[in-house]
Amino acid sequence: MATVPLYIRMHAADNVAIVANDGGLPTGATFADGLRLIEHVPQGHKVALVDLPLGSAVLRYNVPIGYALKDIAAGAWVHEKLLQMPAARALDNLPLATIKPVALPPLEGYTFEGYRNADGSVGSRNILAITTTVQCVAGVVEFAVKRIKEELLPRFPHVDDVVGLEHTYGCGVAIDAPDAVIPIRTLRNITLNPNFGGEVMVVSLGCEKLQPERLLPPGTIQIVDERNVADVGVNADAVLDVVCLQSEHHVGFMSMVDSIMQTALLHLERLDARRRETVPASELVVGVQCGGSDAFSGVTANPAVGFATDLLVRAGATVMFSEVTEVRDGIDQLTARASTLEVAEAMIREMAWYDAYLEKGRVDRSANTTPGNKKGGLSNIVEKAMGSIVKSGTAPISGVLSPGEKVRQKGLIFAATPASDFICGTLQLAAGMNLHVFTTGRGTPYGLAEVPVIKVATRSDLARRWHDLMDINAGRIADGDASIEEVGWELFHLMLEVASGRKKTWAEHWKLHNALVLFNPAPIT
């Protein structure tokens, strides 16, 4: 049976569309409206719907994603080499909190089974996290964690996992530089993530710049440690639980490992006493992100995530979208959706800070788009940004976080982060997410050990080939087998199942996870 040529046009005003067929279409393929390809166009890449004269705006999402560098005939392949990228939108004279959408009705009655914490947060998992103050201890902690999993964890069936919060920070850095606050508060807030149940355990080397008391100063944590109650009182801050490898009582490597294991045992006992309880869906804190994006990201997966985002906000939950360079070109859309002038101004402030950060490295936002993005049909960062923003849905943006800050309110939040998958995920962990949603078109085995990651494929071909890595196939939207709303509801229900522990993601099943990568814009000494 011959393949019926299909294209997807995002807006009636668009003068380009993307080819939907697997494998693309050959020269001479003719669409139902009579448009004929004058050259081969790969899947996901753009075809000119009309003649585009030199200098004319090329429109996708009804936004100029570039300007023609030469005459482009109808039916031609429109790719990055034919386009001049538009200049970045200035950060002045923006619409500020101008969109006042009609409030959608609350979404009530949805719950999940979570772990309530003393600070009021709720975890979707019950994990012992071992914080490290410096990269120097990473090898020892990795060795100890392996033994803890093999020898101790089987005794505690209600504890899901043990993870070492290893990173490349802590020493050899300008720790008093102004921007050093970002990695320090990031690691501090990851330590306090809801999935760790308030059980704070630290492994230190001893001589590092990031001393445990600087990472977690008095007043940061409010826990009750049975070993110290007699001395400090039930309502006092517990003594920070630190294993220092340079301590004089450690004689040999195994002494260090035994000390870590003995300390972990006390935390495992307390974690194992915890049980899931029914909590409202409003206790979800979801981070949404995309990586390995293609032209279908903004057509299938991200719109479905955006629909689910609106459902979560209606249910009273918290949803964070991020990736500064991937929303920078839609800043006017975002500031218009801000709930208040203060929120709009905070977004502008974060964009300006990041513009200055990129300028220090003598690059601009165009450095974002990867070879894989381009192979998947995304010509430049403007086009990529339009498809990325739709993950945020349509709700008003109610708050803004600087990198490494912890979220303290409900609703839709812009958490300013780099677009790098693993740095963005690390910063959303610090913000307090208890569930992660990650869309991909090119494919990536990305996962996090600290929080469940639901993977959403943009194309059915990817979902078929990576059938045991992708949790949801949003490619059915492009195939005509499902609507954005249907996939959005499917994702919403899956989030409740995963958060309840009734279902594991593929990343959890295979124990796939990426390293934590702290964002450190301060100098390294």
Protein backbone atom coordinates (compact mmCIF):
# COMPACT_ATOMS: atom_id res chain seq x y z
CA MET A 1 0.00 0.00 0.00
CA ALA A 2 1.42 3.38 -1.05
CA THR A 3 2.26 5.89 1.67
CA VAL A 4 -0.11 8.85 1.72
CA PRO A 5 2.05 12.03 1.92
CA LEU A 6 1.21 14.00 5.06
CA TYR A 7 2.41 17.27 6.52
CA ILE A 8 1.63 19.05 9.79
CA ARG A 9 0.96 22.79 9.82
CA MET A 10 0.88 24.39 13.27
CA HIS A 11 -1.02 27.60 12.43
CA ALA A 12 -3.18 28.74 9.53
CA ALA A 13 -0.77 31.61 8.84
CA ASP A 14 2.31 29.33 8.59
CA ASN A 15 4.04 29.21 5.22
CA VAL A 16 5.99 26.03 6.09
CA ALA A 17 4.91 22.66 7.48
CA ILE A 18 6.77 19.54 8.61
CA VAL A 19 6.70 16.22 6.79
CA ALA A 20 5.01 13.64 9.02
CA ASN A 21 5.81 10.40 7.16
CA ASP A 22 8.35 7.94 8.59
CA GLY A 23 11.52 8.15 6.54
CA GLY A 24 10.45 11.40 4.90
CA LEU A 25 9.14 11.79 1.36
CA PRO A 26 10.84 11.63 -2.07
CA THR A 27 10.91 14.13 -4.88
CA GLY A 28 7.54 14.20 -6.62
CA ALA A 29 5.45 13.21 -3.61
CA THR A 30 2.18 15.09 -3.83
CA PHE A 31 0.00 16.09 -0.87
CA ALA A 32 -3.79 16.09 -0.84
CA ASP A 33 -3.89 19.86 -1.45
CA GLY A 34 -1.80 19.49 -4.61
CA LEU A 35 1.54 20.64 -3.17
CA ARG A 36 4.34 18.66 -4.89
CA LEU A 37 7.81 18.13 -3.42
CA ILE A 38 10.58 19.30 -5.72
CA GLU A 39 13.22 17.49 -3.63
CA HIS A 40 13.47 14.82 -0.94
CA VAL A 41 12.39 16.12 2.51
CA PRO A 42 13.27 14.06 5.62
CA GLN A 43 10.68 13.33 8.30
CA GLY A 44 10.16 16.24 10.66
CA HIS A 45 11.76 18.74 8.28
CA LYS A 46 10.03 21.73 6.78
CA VAL A 47 8.55 22.06 3.33
CA ALA A 48 7.69 25.44 1.80
CA LEU A 49 3.92 25.65 1.28
CA VAL A 50 4.25 28.68 -0.99
CA ASP A 51 7.05 30.47 -2.83
CA LEU A 52 9.24 32.30 -0.29
CA PRO A 53 11.13 35.25 -1.81
CA LEU A 54 14.59 36.31 -0.63
CA GLY A 55 14.30 38.10 2.75
CA SER A 56 10.77 36.96 3.49
CA ALA A 57 9.78 35.72 6.95
CA VAL A 58 9.46 31.96 7.32
CA LEU A 59 6.55 31.33 9.66
CA ARG A 60 5.99 28.34 11.95
CA TYR A 61 3.70 28.59 15.01
CA ASN A 62 2.79 31.94 13.34
CA VAL A 63 6.21 33.18 14.47
CA PRO A 64 9.13 34.16 12.21
CA ILE A 65 11.66 31.38 12.78
CA GLY A 66 13.99 32.85 10.16
CA TYR A 67 14.31 34.90 6.99
CA ALA A 68 14.94 33.36 3.57
CA LEU A 69 18.57 33.77 2.43
CA LYS A 70 17.50 33.14 -1.17
CA ASP A 71 14.31 32.52 -3.14
CA ILE A 72 12.74 29.26 -1.95
CA ALA A 73 10.20 27.56 -4.20
CA ALA A 74 7.00 25.93 -2.99
CA GLY A 75 7.66 22.23 -2.36
CA ALA A 76 11.32 22.81 -1.43
CA TRP A 77 13.09 21.60 1.72
CA VAL A 78 13.49 24.54 4.12
CA HIS A 79 16.49 23.89 6.35
CA GLU A 80 18.89 25.86 8.53
CA LYS A 81 21.30 26.81 5.73
CA LEU A 82 18.50 28.66 3.94
CA LEU A 83 17.53 30.74 6.97
CA GLN A 84 18.90 33.78 8.76
CA MET A 85 18.00 33.48 12.44
CA PRO A 86 16.03 36.39 13.89
CA ALA A 87 17.67 38.58 16.51
CA ALA A 88 16.76 37.88 20.12
CA ARG A 89 13.70 39.69 21.45
CA ALA A 90 14.75 42.71 23.50
CA LEU A 91 13.90 42.59 27.20
CA ASP A 92 12.23 45.99 27.29
CA ASN A 93 8.73 47.05 26.24
CA LEU A 94 7.40 43.54 26.88
CA PRO A 95 3.76 42.80 27.68
CA LEU A 96 3.59 42.38 31.47
CA ALA A 97 0.81 40.29 33.01
CA THR A 98 -1.56 41.26 30.20
CA ILE A 99 -3.24 37.88 29.67
CA LYS A 100 -6.02 37.26 32.16
CA PRO A 101 -7.38 33.82 31.26
CA VAL A 102 -10.71 32.61 32.47
CA ALA A 103 -10.01 30.44 35.49
CA LEU A 104 -10.54 26.77 34.74
CA PRO A 105 -12.62 24.81 37.23
CA PRO A 106 -10.68 23.03 40.00
CA LEU A 107 -9.87 19.39 39.34
CA GLU A 108 -10.89 17.60 42.50
CA GLY A 109 -10.88 14.06 43.81
CA TYR A 110 -7.52 12.91 42.45
CA THR A 111 -5.05 11.42 44.91
CA PHE A 112 -1.86 9.38 45.14
CA GLU A 113 -0.09 7.38 47.82
CA GLY A 114 2.88 9.36 49.10
CA TYR A 115 5.21 9.74 52.05
CA ARG A 116 4.43 12.76 54.23
CA ASN A 117 7.46 14.57 55.64
CA ALA A 118 7.85 16.63 58.81
CA ASP A 119 8.32 19.82 56.78
CA GLY A 120 4.95 19.34 55.06
CA SER A 121 6.32 18.10 51.74
CA VAL A 122 5.40 14.73 50.24
CA GLY A 123 7.72 12.19 48.65
CA SER A 124 6.91 9.81 45.82
CA ARG A 125 9.77 7.54 46.90
CA ASN A 126 11.43 6.63 50.22
CA ILE A 127 15.17 6.92 49.55
CA LEU A 128 18.25 7.21 51.72
CA ALA A 129 20.41 9.91 50.14
CA ILE A 130 24.03 10.31 51.20
CA THR A 131 25.19 13.87 50.60
CA THR A 132 28.81 14.52 49.70
CA THR A 133 30.52 17.85 50.34
CA VAL A 134 33.27 17.35 47.78
CA GLN A 135 34.04 15.21 44.74
CA CYS A 136 37.11 13.74 46.48
CA VAL A 137 34.90 11.35 48.51
CA ALA A 138 32.87 10.10 45.53
CA GLY A 139 34.80 6.84 45.07
CA VAL A 140 34.52 5.90 48.74
CA VAL A 141 30.81 6.71 48.82
CA GLU A 142 30.19 4.72 45.64
CA PHE A 143 31.93 1.71 47.18
CA ALA A 144 29.96 2.07 50.41
CA VAL A 145 26.63 2.52 48.65
CA LYS A 146 27.22 -0.69 46.70
CA ARG A 147 27.77 -2.57 49.95
CA ILE A 148 24.79 -0.92 51.64
CA LYS A 149 22.56 -2.04 48.77
CA GLU A 150 23.88 -5.57 48.88
CA GLU A 151 24.13 -6.10 52.65
CA LEU A 152 21.73 -3.69 54.38
CA LEU A 153 18.96 -2.63 52.02
CA PRO A 154 17.33 -6.12 51.76
CA ARG A 155 16.58 -5.87 55.48
CA PHE A 156 14.45 -2.76 54.94
CA PRO A 157 11.65 -3.55 52.48
CA HIS A 158 10.00 -0.14 52.82
CA VAL A 159 13.11 1.75 51.68
CA ASP A 160 13.21 2.09 47.89
CA ASP A 161 16.88 2.82 47.31
CA VAL A 162 20.15 4.26 48.57
CA VAL A 163 21.82 6.94 46.45
CA GLY A 164 25.05 8.87 46.79
CA LEU A 165 24.60 12.54 45.93
CA GLU A 166 27.93 12.76 44.15
CA HIS A 167 29.02 15.82 42.19
CA THR A 168 32.13 17.63 40.93
CA TYR A 169 32.03 20.59 43.33
CA GLY A 170 33.33 21.38 46.81
CA CYS A 171 36.98 22.41 46.46
CA GLY A 172 39.34 24.08 44.02
CA VAL A 173 36.65 26.71 43.49
CA ALA A 174 36.17 30.39 44.32
CA ILE A 175 33.73 29.54 47.05
CA ASP A 176 33.24 33.13 48.20
CA ALA A 177 32.55 34.48 44.71
CA PRO A 178 29.04 35.95 44.31
CA ASP A 179 27.83 33.22 41.94
CA ALA A 180 29.10 30.43 44.22
CA VAL A 181 25.77 30.67 46.02
CA ILE A 182 24.20 28.77 43.11
CA PRO A 183 25.98 25.39 43.44
CA ILE A 184 25.98 25.58 47.24
CA ARG A 185 22.25 26.17 47.59
CA THR A 186 21.61 23.62 44.83
CA LEU A 187 23.35 20.85 46.76
CA ARG A 188 21.75 21.99 50.02
CA ASN A 189 18.26 21.90 48.55
CA ILE A 190 18.82 18.56 46.80
CA THR A 191 19.73 17.16 50.22
CA LEU A 192 16.31 18.30 51.44
CA ASN A 193 14.35 16.86 48.49
CA PRO A 194 10.98 15.37 49.57
CA ASN A 195 11.96 11.89 48.36
CA PHE A 196 14.63 11.65 51.07
CA GLY A 197 12.30 11.83 54.07
CA GLY A 198 14.31 14.40 56.00
CA GLU A 199 17.07 11.89 56.77
CA VAL A 200 20.19 13.97 56.25
CA MET A 201 23.51 12.12 56.15
CA VAL A 202 26.75 13.74 54.96
CA VAL A 203 30.14 12.34 53.95
CA SER A 204 32.98 14.87 54.09
CA LEU A 205 36.69 14.65 53.32
CA GLY A 206 37.70 17.16 55.97
CA CYS A 207 39.89 19.72 54.23
CA GLU A 208 37.49 20.87 51.50
CA LYS A 209 36.30 24.44 51.04
CA LEU A 210 32.64 23.42 51.26
CA GLN A 211 32.59 22.38 54.89
CA PRO A 212 29.47 20.52 56.12
CA GLU A 213 28.47 23.43 58.35
CA ARG A 214 28.60 25.77 55.39
CA LEU A 215 26.57 23.43 53.22
CA LEU A 216 23.95 22.83 55.92
CA PRO A 217 24.29 25.60 58.53
CA PRO A 218 22.32 25.54 61.82
CA GLY A 219 18.65 26.13 61.16
CA THR A 220 18.74 24.59 57.69
CA ILE A 221 17.30 21.28 58.83
CA GLN A 222 14.86 20.54 61.62
CA ILE A 223 15.08 16.85 62.41
CA VAL A 224 14.93 14.70 65.52
CA ASP A 225 17.92 12.40 65.93
CA GLU A 226 17.40 9.85 68.69
CA ARG A 227 21.14 9.77 69.34
CA ASN A 228 21.15 13.45 70.34
CA VAL A 229 17.74 14.04 71.92
CA ALA A 230 19.09 13.82 75.47
CA ASP A 231 21.64 16.50 74.72
CA VAL A 232 19.86 18.97 72.46
CA GLY A 233 16.17 18.48 73.18
CA VAL A 234 13.36 17.24 70.97
CA ASN A 235 12.66 20.63 69.36
CA ALA A 236 16.25 21.64 68.78
CA ASP A 237 18.23 21.28 65.58
CA ALA A 238 19.87 17.88 65.53
CA VAL A 239 23.64 17.71 65.29
CA LEU A 240 24.57 17.39 61.63
CA ASP A 241 25.25 13.71 60.87
CA VAL A 242 28.70 13.71 59.23
CA VAL A 243 31.20 10.96 58.42
CA CYS A 244 34.58 12.69 57.96
CA LEU A 245 37.08 10.54 56.08
CA GLN A 246 40.11 12.43 57.42
CA SER A 247 39.02 11.81 61.02
CA GLU A 248 41.89 10.36 63.06
CA HIS A 249 39.86 7.35 64.16
CA HIS A 250 39.70 6.05 60.58
CA VAL A 251 42.54 3.60 60.07
CA GLY A 252 42.45 2.29 56.53
CA PHE A 253 39.89 2.36 53.75
CA MET A 254 37.53 -0.22 55.27
CA SER A 255 37.29 1.84 58.46
CA MET A 256 35.80 4.66 56.37
CA VAL A 257 33.39 2.32 54.62
CA ASP A 258 32.29 0.70 57.90
CA SER A 259 31.61 4.12 59.40
CA ILE A 260 29.43 5.10 56.45
CA MET A 261 27.52 1.81 56.70
CA GLN A 262 26.97 2.10 60.45
CA THR A 263 25.63 5.62 60.06
CA ALA A 264 23.44 4.59 57.13
CA LEU A 265 21.94 1.79 59.23
CA LEU A 266 20.38 4.27 61.68
CA HIS A 267 18.81 6.26 58.84
CA LEU A 268 17.54 3.13 57.11
CA GLU A 269 15.79 2.03 60.29
CA ARG A 270 13.88 5.30 60.52
CA LEU A 271 13.03 5.39 56.83
CA ASP A 272 11.76 1.81 56.96
CA ALA A 273 9.21 2.78 59.60
CA ARG A 274 7.51 5.16 57.17
CA ARG A 275 4.40 4.19 55.20
CA ARG A 276 2.59 5.64 52.22
CA GLU A 277 -0.67 7.44 52.86
CA THR A 278 -3.36 8.88 50.62
CA VAL A 279 -2.65 12.51 49.76
CA PRO A 280 -4.31 14.89 47.28
CA ALA A 281 -2.82 15.37 43.82
CA SER A 282 -2.01 18.92 44.94
CA GLU A 283 1.05 17.47 46.72
CA LEU A 284 2.72 16.64 43.41
CA VAL A 285 5.73 18.79 42.48
CA VAL A 286 6.46 17.98 38.85
CA GLY A 287 9.40 19.10 36.76
CA VAL A 288 8.89 19.07 32.97
CA GLN A 289 11.80 19.05 30.55
CA CYS A 290 12.72 18.06 27.00
CA GLY A 291 15.94 16.67 25.58
CA GLY A 292 17.04 15.19 22.29
CA SER A 293 14.29 17.34 20.79
CA ASP A 294 13.05 17.19 17.20
CA ALA A 295 10.42 18.97 15.16
CA PHE A 296 7.74 16.70 16.58
CA SER A 297 8.52 17.77 20.16
CA GLY A 298 6.39 20.88 19.75
CA VAL A 299 3.70 18.96 17.83
CA THR A 300 3.00 15.88 19.93
CA ALA A 301 4.81 15.31 23.24
CA ASN A 302 5.19 18.87 24.50
CA PRO A 303 1.57 19.87 23.77
CA ALA A 304 0.41 16.71 25.58
CA VAL A 305 2.63 17.60 28.53
CA GLY A 306 1.21 21.13 28.40
CA PHE A 307 -2.31 19.72 28.62
CA ALA A 308 -1.27 17.60 31.61
CA THR A 309 0.38 20.67 33.14
CA ASP A 310 -2.96 22.48 33.03
CA LEU A 311 -4.62 19.47 34.70
CA LEU A 312 -2.02 19.50 37.47
CA VAL A 313 -2.44 23.23 38.08
CA ARG A 314 -6.21 22.77 38.21
CA ALA A 315 -5.63 20.02 40.81
CA GLY A 316 -3.64 22.47 42.94
CA ALA A 317 -0.22 20.91 42.22
CA THR A 318 3.11 22.56 41.43
CA VAL A 319 4.63 22.31 37.95
CA MET A 320 8.03 23.70 36.99
CA PHE A 321 9.18 24.39 33.44
CA SER A 322 12.73 25.60 32.82
CA GLU A 323 15.51 25.84 30.21
CA VAL A 324 16.25 29.55 29.82
CA THR A 325 17.70 29.43 26.32
CA GLU A 326 14.80 27.29 25.13
CA VAL A 327 12.17 29.82 26.18
CA ARG A 328 14.19 33.04 25.70
CA ASP A 329 12.76 33.67 22.23
CA GLY A 330 9.23 33.46 23.59
CA ILE A 331 9.81 35.82 26.51
CA ASP A 332 6.96 38.08 25.38
CA GLN A 333 4.57 35.11 25.54
CA LEU A 334 5.75 34.30 29.06
CA THR A 335 5.70 37.78 30.56
CA ALA A 336 2.20 38.26 29.17
CA ARG A 337 1.09 35.12 31.07
CA ALA A 338 2.65 36.24 34.37
CA SER A 339 0.09 36.40 37.17
CA THR A 340 1.55 39.70 38.45
CA LEU A 341 3.94 42.44 37.38
CA GLU A 342 6.43 41.14 39.95
CA VAL A 343 6.44 37.68 38.36
CA ALA A 344 6.96 39.18 34.88
CA GLU A 345 9.82 41.33 36.13
CA ALA A 346 11.44 38.31 37.80
CA MET A 347 11.37 36.41 34.49
CA ILE A 348 12.99 39.34 32.72
CA ARG A 349 15.63 39.53 35.45
CA GLU A 350 16.51 35.84 34.98
CA MET A 351 16.71 36.21 31.20
CA ALA A 352 18.96 39.28 31.52
CA TRP A 353 21.26 37.45 33.94
CA TYR A 354 21.57 34.54 31.52
CA ASP A 355 22.17 36.82 28.54
CA ALA A 356 25.09 38.33 30.48
CA TYR A 357 26.35 34.85 31.45
CA LEU A 358 26.42 33.75 27.80
CA GLU A 359 28.09 36.98 26.77
CA LYS A 360 30.95 36.28 29.20
CA GLY A 361 31.66 33.12 27.22
CA ARG A 362 31.35 35.01 23.92
CA VAL A 363 28.42 32.89 22.75
CA ASP A 364 24.74 33.56 22.32
CA ARG A 365 21.54 31.54 22.55
CA SER A 366 22.21 29.96 19.13
CA ALA A 367 24.84 27.75 20.82
CA ASN A 368 21.94 25.73 22.25
CA THR A 369 20.72 23.86 19.18
CA THR A 370 22.48 20.49 18.79
CA PRO A 371 23.36 18.49 15.65
CA GLY A 372 20.62 16.04 16.65
CA ASN A 373 18.06 18.83 16.97
CA LYS A 374 18.90 19.95 13.44
CA LYS A 375 18.83 16.42 12.07
CA GLY A 376 15.37 16.11 13.63
CA GLY A 377 14.13 19.16 11.72
CA LEU A 378 14.76 22.06 14.12
CA SER A 379 16.57 24.75 12.16
CA ASN A 380 17.49 27.06 15.04
CA ILE A 381 16.78 28.01 18.64
CA VAL A 382 13.79 30.18 17.70
CA GLU A 383 11.95 27.23 16.21
CA LYS A 384 13.06 25.02 19.11
CA ALA A 385 11.84 27.57 21.66
CA MET A 386 8.35 27.74 20.18
CA GLY A 387 7.98 23.99 20.60
CA SER A 388 9.54 23.97 24.06
CA ILE A 389 7.29 26.59 25.62
CA VAL A 390 4.12 24.57 25.01
CA LYS A 391 5.15 22.19 27.83
CA SER A 392 4.03 24.98 30.17
CA GLY A 393 0.40 24.73 29.07
CA THR A 394 -1.85 27.76 29.31
CA ALA A 395 -2.09 28.53 33.05
CA PRO A 396 -0.84 31.82 34.48
CA ILE A 397 2.79 31.73 35.61
CA SER A 398 2.62 32.25 39.36
CA GLY A 399 6.28 32.25 40.40
CA VAL A 400 9.92 32.36 39.34
CA LEU A 401 12.93 30.57 40.85
CA SER A 402 16.58 31.46 40.43
CA PRO A 403 18.94 28.50 39.86
CA GLY A 404 19.15 26.28 42.92
CA GLU A 405 16.25 27.84 44.82
CA LYS A 406 13.52 25.77 46.44
CA VAL A 407 9.90 26.14 45.35
CA ARG A 408 7.55 27.33 48.08
CA GLN A 409 4.26 27.87 46.27
CA LYS A 410 1.71 26.04 44.15
CA GLY A 411 0.85 26.56 40.51
CA LEU A 412 2.94 26.99 37.37
CA ILE A 413 6.51 28.05 38.15
CA PHE A 414 9.34 29.13 35.87
CA ALA A 415 12.50 27.62 37.37
CA ALA A 416 15.41 29.33 35.61
CA THR A 417 18.00 26.72 34.58
CA PRO A 418 20.38 26.03 31.71
CA ALA A 419 18.87 23.83 29.01
CA SER A 420 21.44 21.05 29.54
CA ASP A 421 19.39 17.95 30.40
CA PHE A 422 21.36 16.86 33.44
CA ILE A 423 21.93 20.37 34.84
CA CYS A 424 18.25 21.23 34.41
CA GLY A 425 17.25 17.98 36.10
CA THR A 426 19.68 18.63 38.95
CA LEU A 427 18.27 22.12 39.53
CA GLN A 428 14.67 20.89 39.41
CA LEU A 429 15.63 18.31 42.03
CA ALA A 430 16.93 21.15 44.17
CA ALA A 431 13.67 23.01 43.65
CA GLY A 432 11.88 20.08 45.27
CA MET A 433 10.31 18.04 42.49
CA ASN A 434 9.04 14.61 43.45
CA LEU A 435 8.27 13.53 39.85
CA HIS A 436 9.93 14.30 36.53
CA VAL A 437 8.46 14.27 32.99
CA PHE A 438 10.93 14.23 30.12
CA THR A 439 10.05 14.39 26.41
CA THR A 440 12.37 13.30 23.60
CA GLY A 441 12.26 12.97 19.84
CA ARG A 442 15.75 11.84 18.96
CA GLY A 443 15.86 9.54 22.01
CA THR A 444 17.89 9.59 25.21
CA PRO A 445 18.16 7.03 28.05
CA TYR A 446 18.14 9.91 30.56
CA GLY A 447 17.02 9.13 34.11
CA LEU A 448 17.54 10.23 37.70
CA ALA A 449 18.22 7.97 40.69
CA GLU A 450 16.61 10.47 43.07
CA VAL A 451 13.16 10.80 41.47
CA PRO A 452 11.04 8.82 38.98
CA VAL A 453 11.40 10.04 35.38
CA ILE A 454 8.50 9.47 32.96
CA LYS A 455 9.78 9.47 29.37
CA VAL A 456 7.49 10.63 26.55
CA ALA A 457 8.38 9.85 22.92
CA THR A 458 7.45 12.37 20.24
CA ARG A 459 7.31 9.83 17.41
CA SER A 460 5.87 6.33 17.07
CA ASP A 461 9.04 5.13 15.33
CA LEU A 462 11.10 6.06 18.40
CA ALA A 463 8.52 4.50 20.75
CA ARG A 464 8.66 1.29 18.70
CA ARG A 465 12.45 1.07 18.56
CA TRP A 466 12.92 2.15 22.20
CA HIS A 467 9.89 0.27 23.47
CA ASP A 468 11.53 -0.55 26.79
CA LEU A 469 12.79 2.98 27.47
CA MET A 470 9.80 5.18 26.58
CA ASP A 471 6.83 5.23 28.99
CA ILE A 472 4.31 7.01 26.73
CA ASN A 473 4.08 7.28 22.95
CA ALA A 474 2.86 10.76 22.03
CA GLY A 475 3.63 9.96 18.40
CA ARG A 476 0.10 8.56 18.19
CA ILE A 477 -1.04 12.20 17.96
CA ALA A 478 0.81 12.70 14.66
CA ASP A 479 -0.40 9.29 13.48
CA GLY A 480 -4.00 10.35 14.02
CA ASP A 481 -4.59 7.59 16.57
CA ALA A 482 -4.93 9.83 19.65
CA SER A 483 -5.61 13.47 20.48
CA ILE A 484 -3.44 15.82 22.52
CA GLU A 485 -6.11 15.72 25.22
CA GLU A 486 -6.18 11.91 25.33
CA VAL A 487 -2.40 11.63 25.68
CA GLY A 488 -2.44 14.45 28.24
CA TRP A 489 -4.96 12.58 30.40
CA GLU A 490 -2.97 9.36 29.96
CA LEU A 491 0.12 11.13 31.26
CA PHE A 492 -1.80 12.65 34.19
CA HIS A 493 -3.07 9.25 35.32
CA LEU A 494 0.37 7.68 34.83
CA MET A 495 1.91 10.37 37.04
CA LEU A 496 -0.47 9.43 39.87
CA GLU A 497 0.36 5.73 39.44
CA VAL A 498 4.11 6.33 39.38
CA ALA A 499 3.99 8.75 42.32
CA SER A 500 2.08 6.10 44.29
CA GLY A 501 4.73 3.47 43.64
CA ARG A 502 2.20 1.25 41.90
CA LYS A 503 4.07 1.56 38.63
CA LYS A 504 7.78 1.93 37.86
CA THR A 505 9.13 3.90 34.95
CA TRP A 506 11.43 2.19 32.48
CA ALA A 507 14.35 4.23 33.81
CA GLU A 508 13.62 2.87 37.30
CA HIS A 509 13.20 -0.65 35.94
CA TRP A 510 16.65 -0.61 34.32
CA LYS A 511 18.15 1.58 37.10
CA LEU A 512 19.31 4.12 34.51
CA HIS A 513 20.36 7.46 35.88
CA ASN A 514 22.48 10.44 34.98
CA ALA A 515 25.04 12.04 37.25
CA LEU A 516 24.11 15.16 39.19
CA VAL A 517 25.75 18.19 37.58
CA LEU A 518 25.80 21.36 39.65
CA PHE A 519 25.55 24.66 37.75
CA ASN A 520 28.64 26.62 38.78
CA PRO A 521 29.04 29.98 37.03
CA ALA A 522 31.68 31.06 39.60
CA PRO A 523 35.42 30.75 38.83
CA ILE A 524 37.42 27.57 39.40
CA THR A 525 40.74 28.29 41.11
